[in-house]
Amino acid sequence: MYLSAEVHTTRMFDSEARVLVILPRELLDRARALAGRATTSMKMPVSLQIVLRALIEEGLRRPGDAALLANVNRQAETVRRIRRDARRRSAAARSPRGPALRARRRSRS
């Protein structure tokens, strides 16, 4: 007789999504420290995931907050600059004579 082991998973939310977030180590360390302080003060385990979820939720409750919007703007500009620089490096690598020839051609026009 074959018995299958049924796996029952408990979900926290009715609708869940998994997300990969790449964070600076310093930011992650600060969130870990907050989780540690919360664990001590609440006398119960508080995971990094709980802290990150709470921070996101609290931030989304203040969509018009100037500091939050300034942070979003700074991060968006940083991503734009990184992508633009990567495109330029990629284009320069594909060019047979490199970026110097293109610069001379532009200056002659």
N, C-alpha and C. Protein backbone atom coordinates (compact mmCIF):
# COMPACT_ATOMS: atom_id res chain seq x y z
N MET A 1 0.84 -1.17 0.00
CA MET A 1 0.00 0.00 0.00
C MET A 1 0.89 1.24 0.00
N TYR A 2 0.54 2.21 -0.84
CA TYR A 2 1.32 3.44 -0.97
C TYR A 2 0.62 4.56 -0.22
N LEU A 3 1.32 5.18 0.70
CA LEU A 3 0.78 6.34 1.43
C LEU A 3 1.59 7.56 1.05
N SER A 4 0.91 8.57 0.59
CA SER A 4 1.62 9.81 0.25
C SER A 4 1.60 10.74 1.44
N ALA A 5 2.69 11.36 1.65
CA ALA A 5 2.75 12.35 2.73
C ALA A 5 2.25 13.68 2.17
N GLU A 6 1.15 14.13 2.69
CA GLU A 6 0.61 15.41 2.25
C GLU A 6 1.35 16.54 2.94
N VAL A 7 1.72 17.50 2.16
CA VAL A 7 2.42 18.65 2.71
C VAL A 7 1.41 19.77 2.87
N HIS A 8 1.27 20.19 4.11
CA HIS A 8 0.35 21.31 4.39
C HIS A 8 1.20 22.54 4.68
N THR A 9 1.05 23.54 3.85
CA THR A 9 1.77 24.78 4.11
C THR A 9 0.80 25.81 4.65
N THR A 10 1.27 26.53 5.61
CA THR A 10 0.46 27.59 6.19
C THR A 10 0.87 28.89 5.55
N ARG A 11 -0.10 29.62 5.06
CA ARG A 11 0.17 30.89 4.41
C ARG A 11 -0.23 32.01 5.34
N MET A 12 0.58 33.06 5.36
CA MET A 12 0.27 34.22 6.20
C MET A 12 -0.82 35.08 5.58
N PHE A 13 -0.84 35.13 4.25
CA PHE A 13 -1.76 36.01 3.56
C PHE A 13 -2.55 35.22 2.53
N ASP A 14 -3.74 35.71 2.22
CA ASP A 14 -4.55 35.06 1.20
C ASP A 14 -3.88 35.15 -0.18
N SER A 15 -3.25 36.26 -0.43
CA SER A 15 -2.61 36.47 -1.71
C SER A 15 -1.15 36.82 -1.45
N GLU A 16 -0.24 35.95 -1.85
CA GLU A 16 1.18 36.16 -1.60
C GLU A 16 1.95 36.24 -2.90
N ALA A 17 3.04 36.96 -2.86
CA ALA A 17 3.96 37.01 -4.00
C ALA A 17 5.38 36.97 -3.43
N ARG A 18 6.26 36.30 -4.13
CA ARG A 18 7.66 36.24 -3.71
C ARG A 18 8.44 37.27 -4.51
N VAL A 19 9.33 37.96 -3.81
CA VAL A 19 10.09 39.04 -4.43
C VAL A 19 11.56 38.91 -4.01
N LEU A 20 12.43 39.07 -4.96
CA LEU A 20 13.86 39.14 -4.68
C LEU A 20 14.23 40.61 -4.62
N VAL A 21 14.80 41.02 -3.50
CA VAL A 21 15.19 42.41 -3.33
C VAL A 21 16.69 42.46 -3.07
N ILE A 22 17.38 43.25 -3.84
CA ILE A 22 18.82 43.42 -3.64
C ILE A 22 18.99 44.71 -2.84
N LEU A 23 19.61 44.56 -1.66
CA LEU A 23 19.77 45.69 -0.75
C LEU A 23 21.24 45.92 -0.43
N PRO A 24 21.59 47.17 -0.15
CA PRO A 24 22.96 47.44 0.32
C PRO A 24 23.15 46.75 1.68
N ARG A 25 24.35 46.24 1.91
CA ARG A 25 24.63 45.52 3.15
C ARG A 25 24.37 46.40 4.38
N GLU A 26 24.71 47.68 4.30
CA GLU A 26 24.51 48.59 5.43
C GLU A 26 23.02 48.68 5.79
N LEU A 27 22.17 48.78 4.79
CA LEU A 27 20.73 48.85 5.03
C LEU A 27 20.22 47.56 5.67
N LEU A 28 20.70 46.44 5.17
CA LEU A 28 20.31 45.15 5.72
C LEU A 28 20.77 45.01 7.16
N ASP A 29 21.97 45.47 7.46
CA ASP A 29 22.48 45.42 8.83
C ASP A 29 21.63 46.27 9.77
N ARG A 30 21.20 47.43 9.28
CA ARG A 30 20.34 48.28 10.11
C ARG A 30 18.99 47.62 10.38
N ALA A 31 18.45 46.94 9.37
CA ALA A 31 17.18 46.24 9.55
C ALA A 31 17.35 45.07 10.51
N ARG A 32 18.48 44.36 10.43
CA ARG A 32 18.76 43.27 11.38
C ARG A 32 18.85 43.79 12.79
N ALA A 33 19.50 44.94 12.96
CA ALA A 33 19.61 45.54 14.29
C ALA A 33 18.23 45.90 14.83
N LEU A 34 17.36 46.42 13.96
CA LEU A 34 15.99 46.73 14.37
C LEU A 34 15.25 45.46 14.78
N ALA A 35 15.45 44.38 14.05
CA ALA A 35 14.83 43.10 14.39
C ALA A 35 15.32 42.63 15.76
N GLY A 36 16.60 42.82 16.03
CA GLY A 36 17.16 42.43 17.33
C GLY A 36 16.56 43.25 18.46
N ARG A 37 16.45 44.57 18.25
CA ARG A 37 15.85 45.43 19.29
C ARG A 37 14.39 45.07 19.51
N ALA A 38 13.68 44.79 18.42
CA ALA A 38 12.27 44.42 18.55
C ALA A 38 12.13 43.09 19.28
N THR A 39 13.00 42.14 18.99
CA THR A 39 12.97 40.85 19.68
C THR A 39 13.18 41.03 21.17
N THR A 40 14.13 41.89 21.54
CA THR A 40 14.42 42.13 22.96
C THR A 40 13.25 42.83 23.64
N SER A 41 12.72 43.87 23.02
CA SER A 41 11.65 44.64 23.67
C SER A 41 10.33 43.88 23.72
N MET A 42 10.04 43.08 22.71
CA MET A 42 8.77 42.35 22.66
C MET A 42 8.85 41.00 23.34
N LYS A 43 10.09 40.56 23.63
CA LYS A 43 10.32 39.24 24.23
C LYS A 43 9.71 38.12 23.40
N MET A 44 9.84 38.27 22.10
CA MET A 44 9.42 37.25 21.15
C MET A 44 10.25 37.40 19.88
N PRO A 45 10.44 36.34 19.13
CA PRO A 45 11.28 36.44 17.94
C PRO A 45 10.67 37.35 16.87
N VAL A 46 11.50 38.22 16.35
CA VAL A 46 11.09 39.10 15.25
C VAL A 46 12.13 38.90 14.14
N SER A 47 11.69 38.40 13.01
CA SER A 47 12.61 38.10 11.91
C SER A 47 12.88 39.34 11.06
N LEU A 48 13.92 39.22 10.27
CA LEU A 48 14.25 40.27 9.32
C LEU A 48 13.10 40.48 8.34
N GLN A 49 12.47 39.40 7.93
CA GLN A 49 11.34 39.49 7.00
C GLN A 49 10.20 40.31 7.61
N ILE A 50 9.92 40.09 8.87
CA ILE A 50 8.86 40.85 9.54
C ILE A 50 9.20 42.33 9.55
N VAL A 51 10.45 42.65 9.86
CA VAL A 51 10.89 44.05 9.91
C VAL A 51 10.77 44.69 8.52
N LEU A 52 11.25 44.01 7.49
CA LEU A 52 11.18 44.57 6.14
C LEU A 52 9.74 44.77 5.69
N ARG A 53 8.88 43.81 6.00
CA ARG A 53 7.46 43.93 5.64
C ARG A 53 6.83 45.13 6.35
N ALA A 54 7.15 45.31 7.63
CA ALA A 54 6.60 46.44 8.39
C ALA A 54 7.10 47.77 7.85
N LEU A 55 8.39 47.83 7.50
CA LEU A 55 8.94 49.07 6.96
C LEU A 55 8.29 49.44 5.63
N ILE A 56 8.08 48.46 4.78
CA ILE A 56 7.43 48.72 3.49
C ILE A 56 6.00 49.20 3.73
N GLU A 57 5.30 48.51 4.59
CA GLU A 57 3.90 48.88 4.87
C GLU A 57 3.80 50.29 5.44
N GLU A 58 4.67 50.62 6.39
CA GLU A 58 4.64 51.97 6.98
C GLU A 58 4.99 53.03 5.94
N GLY A 59 5.95 52.74 5.08
CA GLY A 59 6.32 53.69 4.02
C GLY A 59 5.18 53.93 3.06
N LEU A 60 4.45 52.86 2.73
CA LEU A 60 3.33 53.00 1.79
C LEU A 60 2.14 53.74 2.40
N ARG A 61 2.10 53.86 3.71
CA ARG A 61 1.03 54.63 4.35
C ARG A 61 1.28 56.13 4.24
N ARG A 62 2.48 56.51 3.83
CA ARG A 62 2.84 57.92 3.72
C ARG A 62 3.30 58.25 2.31
N PRO A 63 2.43 58.08 1.32
CA PRO A 63 2.87 58.27 -0.06
C PRO A 63 3.27 59.71 -0.39
N GLY A 64 2.82 60.68 0.37
CA GLY A 64 3.14 62.07 0.09
C GLY A 64 4.27 62.61 0.94
N ASP A 65 4.87 61.77 1.77
CA ASP A 65 5.95 62.19 2.66
C ASP A 65 7.15 62.66 1.84
N ALA A 66 7.61 63.87 2.10
CA ALA A 66 8.70 64.47 1.31
C ALA A 66 9.98 63.65 1.41
N ALA A 67 10.32 63.17 2.60
CA ALA A 67 11.55 62.39 2.76
C ALA A 67 11.46 61.07 2.00
N LEU A 68 10.30 60.44 2.03
CA LEU A 68 10.11 59.18 1.30
C LEU A 68 10.24 59.42 -0.20
N LEU A 69 9.59 60.46 -0.70
CA LEU A 69 9.66 60.77 -2.13
C LEU A 69 11.07 61.16 -2.55
N ALA A 70 11.79 61.87 -1.70
CA ALA A 70 13.17 62.24 -2.02
C ALA A 70 14.04 60.98 -2.10
N ASN A 71 13.81 60.02 -1.21
CA ASN A 71 14.57 58.78 -1.24
C ASN A 71 14.26 57.99 -2.50
N VAL A 72 12.99 57.91 -2.86
CA VAL A 72 12.60 57.20 -4.09
C VAL A 72 13.25 57.88 -5.29
N ASN A 73 13.22 59.20 -5.33
CA ASN A 73 13.82 59.94 -6.44
C ASN A 73 15.32 59.68 -6.53
N ARG A 74 16.00 59.71 -5.39
CA ARG A 74 17.45 59.48 -5.38
C ARG A 74 17.78 58.09 -5.90
N GLN A 75 17.00 57.10 -5.47
CA GLN A 75 17.26 55.73 -5.92
C GLN A 75 16.95 55.56 -7.41
N ALA A 76 15.89 56.18 -7.87
CA ALA A 76 15.53 56.08 -9.29
C ALA A 76 16.61 56.73 -10.16
N GLU A 77 17.12 57.88 -9.74
CA GLU A 77 18.19 58.55 -10.48
C GLU A 77 19.47 57.71 -10.49
N THR A 78 19.76 57.06 -9.38
CA THR A 78 20.95 56.21 -9.31
C THR A 78 20.83 55.03 -10.27
N VAL A 79 19.67 54.39 -10.30
CA VAL A 79 19.45 53.27 -11.22
C VAL A 79 19.55 53.75 -12.66
N ARG A 80 18.98 54.91 -12.97
CA ARG A 80 19.05 55.46 -14.32
C ARG A 80 20.50 55.70 -14.74
N ARG A 81 21.31 56.28 -13.84
CA ARG A 81 22.71 56.55 -14.13
C ARG A 81 23.49 55.24 -14.36
N ILE A 82 23.25 54.25 -13.51
CA ILE A 82 23.95 52.96 -13.65
C ILE A 82 23.60 52.31 -14.99
N ARG A 83 22.35 52.33 -15.36
CA ARG A 83 21.93 51.72 -16.64
C ARG A 83 22.49 52.49 -17.83
N ARG A 84 22.48 53.82 -17.75
CA ARG A 84 23.01 54.64 -18.84
C ARG A 84 24.50 54.36 -19.02
N ASP A 85 25.25 54.31 -17.91
CA ASP A 85 26.68 54.02 -17.99
C ASP A 85 26.94 52.63 -18.54
N ALA A 86 26.12 51.66 -18.18
CA ALA A 86 26.29 50.29 -18.69
C ALA A 86 26.03 50.25 -20.19
N ARG A 87 25.01 50.98 -20.66
CA ARG A 87 24.75 51.04 -22.11
C ARG A 87 25.92 51.67 -22.85
N ARG A 88 26.48 52.72 -22.30
CA ARG A 88 27.62 53.39 -22.93
C ARG A 88 28.82 52.45 -23.00
N ARG A 89 29.10 51.74 -21.90
CA ARG A 89 30.23 50.81 -21.91
C ARG A 89 29.99 49.69 -22.92
N SER A 90 28.77 49.22 -23.01
CA SER A 90 28.44 48.15 -23.94
C SER A 90 28.61 48.63 -25.38
N ALA A 91 28.15 49.83 -25.67
CA ALA A 91 28.28 50.38 -27.02
C ALA A 91 29.75 50.60 -27.37
N ALA A 92 30.53 51.07 -26.43
CA ALA A 92 31.95 51.30 -26.67
C ALA A 92 32.68 49.98 -26.93
N ALA A 93 32.27 48.94 -26.22
CA ALA A 93 32.91 47.64 -26.41
C ALA A 93 32.57 47.05 -27.77
N ARG A 94 31.38 47.33 -28.30
CA ARG A 94 30.97 46.81 -29.60
C ARG A 94 31.61 47.55 -30.75
N SER A 95 31.96 48.81 -30.54
CA SER A 95 32.55 49.64 -31.59
C SER A 95 33.95 49.12 -31.91
N PRO A 96 34.28 48.97 -33.21
CA PRO A 96 35.59 48.44 -33.57
C PRO A 96 36.74 49.37 -33.20
N ARG A 97 36.51 50.67 -33.19
CA ARG A 97 37.61 51.61 -32.91
C ARG A 97 37.46 52.29 -31.57
N GLY A 98 36.42 51.95 -30.82
CA GLY A 98 36.28 52.51 -29.48
C GLY A 98 35.63 53.88 -29.46
N PRO A 99 35.49 54.46 -28.27
CA PRO A 99 34.78 55.73 -28.12
C PRO A 99 35.55 56.93 -28.64
N ALA A 100 36.88 56.86 -28.78
CA ALA A 100 37.66 58.01 -29.24
C ALA A 100 37.28 58.42 -30.66
N LEU A 101 37.09 57.45 -31.55
CA LEU A 101 36.73 57.75 -32.93
C LEU A 101 35.37 58.43 -32.99
N ARG A 102 34.40 57.93 -32.24
CA ARG A 102 33.07 58.54 -32.23
C ARG A 102 33.13 59.97 -31.72
N ALA A 103 33.97 60.25 -30.74
CA ALA A 103 34.09 61.59 -30.19
C ALA A 103 34.68 62.54 -31.24
N ARG A 104 35.68 62.07 -32.01
CA ARG A 104 36.26 62.91 -33.06
C ARG A 104 35.25 63.20 -34.16
N ARG A 105 34.45 62.18 -34.51
CA ARG A 105 33.44 62.38 -35.57
C ARG A 105 32.43 63.43 -35.14
N ARG A 106 32.02 63.40 -33.89
CA ARG A 106 31.04 64.37 -33.41
C ARG A 106 31.62 65.77 -33.40
N SER A 107 32.89 65.92 -33.04
CA SER A 107 33.48 67.24 -32.95
C SER A 107 33.69 67.89 -34.32
N ARG A 108 33.80 67.09 -35.38
CA ARG A 108 33.96 67.63 -36.73
C ARG A 108 32.66 68.18 -37.30
N SER A 109 31.54 67.76 -36.82
CA SER A 109 30.24 68.17 -37.37
C SER A 109 29.93 69.60 -37.12
